[in-house]
C-alpha atoms as a PDB file:
ATOM      1  CA  UNK A   1       8.181 167.175  87.796  1.00  0.00           C
ATOM      2  CA  UNK A   2      10.471 167.920  84.939  1.00  0.00           C
ATOM      3  CA  UNK A   3      14.175 167.666  85.113  1.00  0.00           C
ATOM      4  CA  UNK A   4      14.487 171.219  83.591  1.00  0.00           C
ATOM      5  CA  UNK A   5      14.771 173.959  86.791  1.00  0.00           C
ATOM      6  CA  UNK A   6      12.331 176.972  86.637  1.00  0.00           C
ATOM      7  CA  UNK A   7      13.593 180.005  84.413  1.00  0.00           C
ATOM      8  CA  UNK A   8      13.050 182.032  87.562  1.00  0.00           C
ATOM      9  CA  UNK A   9      13.250 181.160  91.134  1.00  0.00           C
ATOM     10  CA  UNK A  10      13.281 182.871  94.599  1.00  0.00           C
ATOM     11  CA  UNK A  11      13.638 181.540  98.371  1.00  0.00           C
ATOM     12  CA  UNK A  12      11.660 184.384  99.662  1.00  0.00           C
ATOM     13  CA  UNK A  13       8.135 183.251 100.409  1.00  0.00           C
ATOM     14  CA  UNK A  14       6.561 186.757  99.564  1.00  0.00           C
ATOM     15  CA  UNK A  15       7.819 186.517  95.849  1.00  0.00           C
ATOM     16  CA  UNK A  16       5.706 185.400  93.211  1.00  0.00           C
ATOM     17  CA  UNK A  17       8.375 183.298  91.851  1.00  0.00           C
ATOM     18  CA  UNK A  18       8.576 181.203  94.979  1.00  0.00           C
ATOM     19  CA  UNK A  19       7.966 177.575  94.435  1.00  0.00           C
ATOM     20  CA  UNK A  20       8.394 175.217  97.730  1.00  0.00           C
ATOM     21  CA  UNK A  21       8.300 171.800  95.883  1.00  0.00           C
ATOM     22  CA  UNK A  22      11.175 172.748  93.438  1.00  0.00           C
ATOM     23  CA  UNK A  23      13.081 174.392  96.665  1.00  0.00           C
ATOM     24  CA  UNK A  24      12.572 171.065  98.430  1.00  0.00           C
ATOM     25  CA  UNK A  25      14.301 169.009  95.676  1.00  0.00           C
ATOM     26  CA  UNK A  26      17.251 171.146  95.949  1.00  0.00           C
ATOM     27  CA  UNK A  27      18.482 173.649  93.119  1.00  0.00           C
ATOM     28  CA  UNK A  28      22.259 174.290  92.325  1.00  0.00           C
ATOM     29  CA  UNK A  29      23.424 177.519  90.862  1.00  0.00           C
ATOM     30  CA  UNK A  30      26.396 178.084  88.714  1.00  0.00           C
ATOM     31  CA  UNK A  31      27.245 181.553  88.020  1.00  0.00           C
ATOM     32  CA  UNK A  32      30.024 182.509  85.671  1.00  0.00           C
ATOM     33  CA  UNK A  33      30.975 179.093  86.007  1.00  0.00           C
ATOM     34  CA  UNK A  34      31.569 179.073  89.676  1.00  0.00           C
ATOM     35  CA  UNK A  35      29.174 177.090  92.257  1.00  0.00           C
ATOM     36  CA  UNK A  36      27.085 179.716  94.570  1.00  0.00           C
ATOM     37  CA  UNK A  37      25.679 178.770  97.475  1.00  0.00           C
ATOM     38  CA  UNK A  38      24.215 182.351  98.629  1.00  0.00           C
ATOM     39  CA  UNK A  39      22.304 182.787  95.723  1.00  0.00           C
ATOM     40  CA  UNK A  40      18.252 184.480  96.831  1.00  0.00           C
ATOM     41  CA  UNK A  41      16.832 184.627  93.321  1.00  0.00           C
ATOM     42  CA  UNK A  42      17.732 183.878  89.881  1.00  0.00           C
ATOM     43  CA  UNK A  43      16.698 184.404  86.230  1.00  0.00           C
ATOM     44  CA  UNK A  44      18.244 182.121  83.670  1.00  0.00           C
ATOM     45  CA  UNK A  45      17.000 184.256  80.340  1.00  0.00           C
ATOM     46  CA  UNK A  46      17.767 187.410  81.938  1.00  0.00           C
ATOM     47  CA  UNK A  47      21.004 186.262  83.243  1.00  0.00           C
ATOM     48  CA  UNK A  48      21.316 187.516  86.775  1.00  0.00           C
ATOM     49  CA  UNK A  49      21.368 186.344  90.083  1.00  0.00           C
ATOM     50  CA  UNK A  50      20.658 188.316  93.448  1.00  0.00           C
ATOM     51  CA  UNK A  51      22.818 187.539  96.613  1.00  0.00           C
ATOM     52  CA  UNK A  52      22.870 188.912  99.848  1.00  0.00           C
ATOM     53  CA  UNK A  53      24.907 191.646 101.387  1.00  0.00           C
ATOM     54  CA  UNK A  54      26.023 190.276 104.583  1.00  0.00           C
ATOM     55  CA  UNK A  55      23.650 190.735 107.589  1.00  0.00           C
ATOM     56  CA  UNK A  56      22.349 194.178 106.269  1.00  0.00           C
ATOM     57  CA  UNK A  57      18.586 194.589 106.353  1.00  0.00           C
ATOM     58  CA  UNK A  58      16.422 197.219 105.122  1.00  0.00           C
ATOM     59  CA  UNK A  59      13.689 198.878 107.272  1.00  0.00           C
ATOM     60  CA  UNK A  60      11.486 196.243 106.947  1.00  0.00           C
ATOM     61  CA  UNK A  61      13.817 193.672 108.378  1.00  0.00           C
ATOM     62  CA  UNK A  62      14.306 191.955 104.936  1.00  0.00           C
ATOM     63  CA  UNK A  63      17.631 191.238 103.865  1.00  0.00           C
ATOM     64  CA  UNK A  64      19.499 193.816 101.330  1.00  0.00           C
ATOM     65  CA  UNK A  65      20.116 191.961  98.173  1.00  0.00           C
ATOM     66  CA  UNK A  66      22.600 193.255  95.059  1.00  0.00           C
ATOM     67  CA  UNK A  67      22.200 191.771  91.496  1.00  0.00           C
ATOM     68  CA  UNK A  68      24.576 190.627  89.540  1.00  0.00           C
ATOM     69  CA  UNK A  69      24.842 189.805  85.705  1.00  0.00           C
ATOM     70  CA  UNK A  70      26.352 187.124  83.701  1.00  0.00           C
ATOM     71  CA  UNK A  71      25.744 183.591  82.713  1.00  0.00           C
ATOM     72  CA  UNK A  72      23.529 181.677  84.973  1.00  0.00           C
ATOM     73  CA  UNK A  73      23.212 177.734  84.967  1.00  0.00           C
ATOM     74  CA  UNK A  74      20.604 175.991  87.307  1.00  0.00           C
ATOM     75  CA  UNK A  75      20.171 172.043  88.106  1.00  0.00           C
ATOM     76  CA  UNK A  76      18.322 169.769  90.533  1.00  0.00           C
ATOM     77  CA  UNK A  77      20.597 168.532  93.101  1.00  0.00           C
ATOM     78  CA  UNK A  78      18.449 165.471  93.286  1.00  0.00           C
ATOM     79  CA  UNK A  79      16.571 163.415  90.480  1.00  0.00           C
ATOM     80  CA  UNK A  80      12.739 163.304  90.158  1.00  0.00           C
ATOM     81  CA  UNK A  81      11.028 160.892  92.064  1.00  0.00           C
ATOM     82  CA  UNK A  82      10.576 157.536  90.135  1.00  0.00           C
ATOM     83  CA  UNK A  83      13.538 158.363  88.081  1.00  0.00           C
ATOM     84  CA  UNK A  84      16.323 155.969  88.114  1.00  0.00           C
ATOM     85  CA  UNK A  85      19.710 157.951  88.034  1.00  0.00           C
ATOM     86  CA  UNK A  86      21.615 156.435  84.748  1.00  0.00           C
ATOM     87  CA  UNK A  87      25.092 156.630  87.214  1.00  0.00           C
ATOM     88  CA  UNK A  88      23.179 153.794  89.791  1.00  0.00           C
ATOM     89  CA  UNK A  89      22.145 151.475  86.828  1.00  0.00           C
ATOM     90  CA  UNK A  90      25.579 151.331  85.531  1.00  0.00           C
ATOM     91  CA  UNK A  91      27.228 150.508  89.089  1.00  0.00           C
ATOM     92  CA  UNK A  92      24.786 147.727  89.325  1.00  0.00           C
ATOM     93  CA  UNK A  93      25.764 146.080  86.154  1.00  0.00           C
ATOM     94  CA  UNK A  94      29.393 146.321  87.410  1.00  0.00           C
ATOM     95  CA  UNK A  95      28.719 144.682  90.591  1.00  0.00           C
ATOM     96  CA  UNK A  96      27.223 141.362  88.753  1.00  0.00           C
END
């Protein structure tokens, strides 16, 4: 797995942009410089995120969302398997 998150990702299993292994690793979203925890879907190249509108649902029971435009940054919250974080190596050197 690479350390670059996908350009577009959705948490809805019905979406063609849904990717369970990537979601299990954890994705962090920074939108307009602020951390967001309520993102349903994002696109880095197109510069938008989709967020839920509270408890409102459509007639099929799916949550209603709104598209917000602006700069989007995505990052993995946990390092890739088998890759050591550089911070861990420096801590080991200080302890010796």
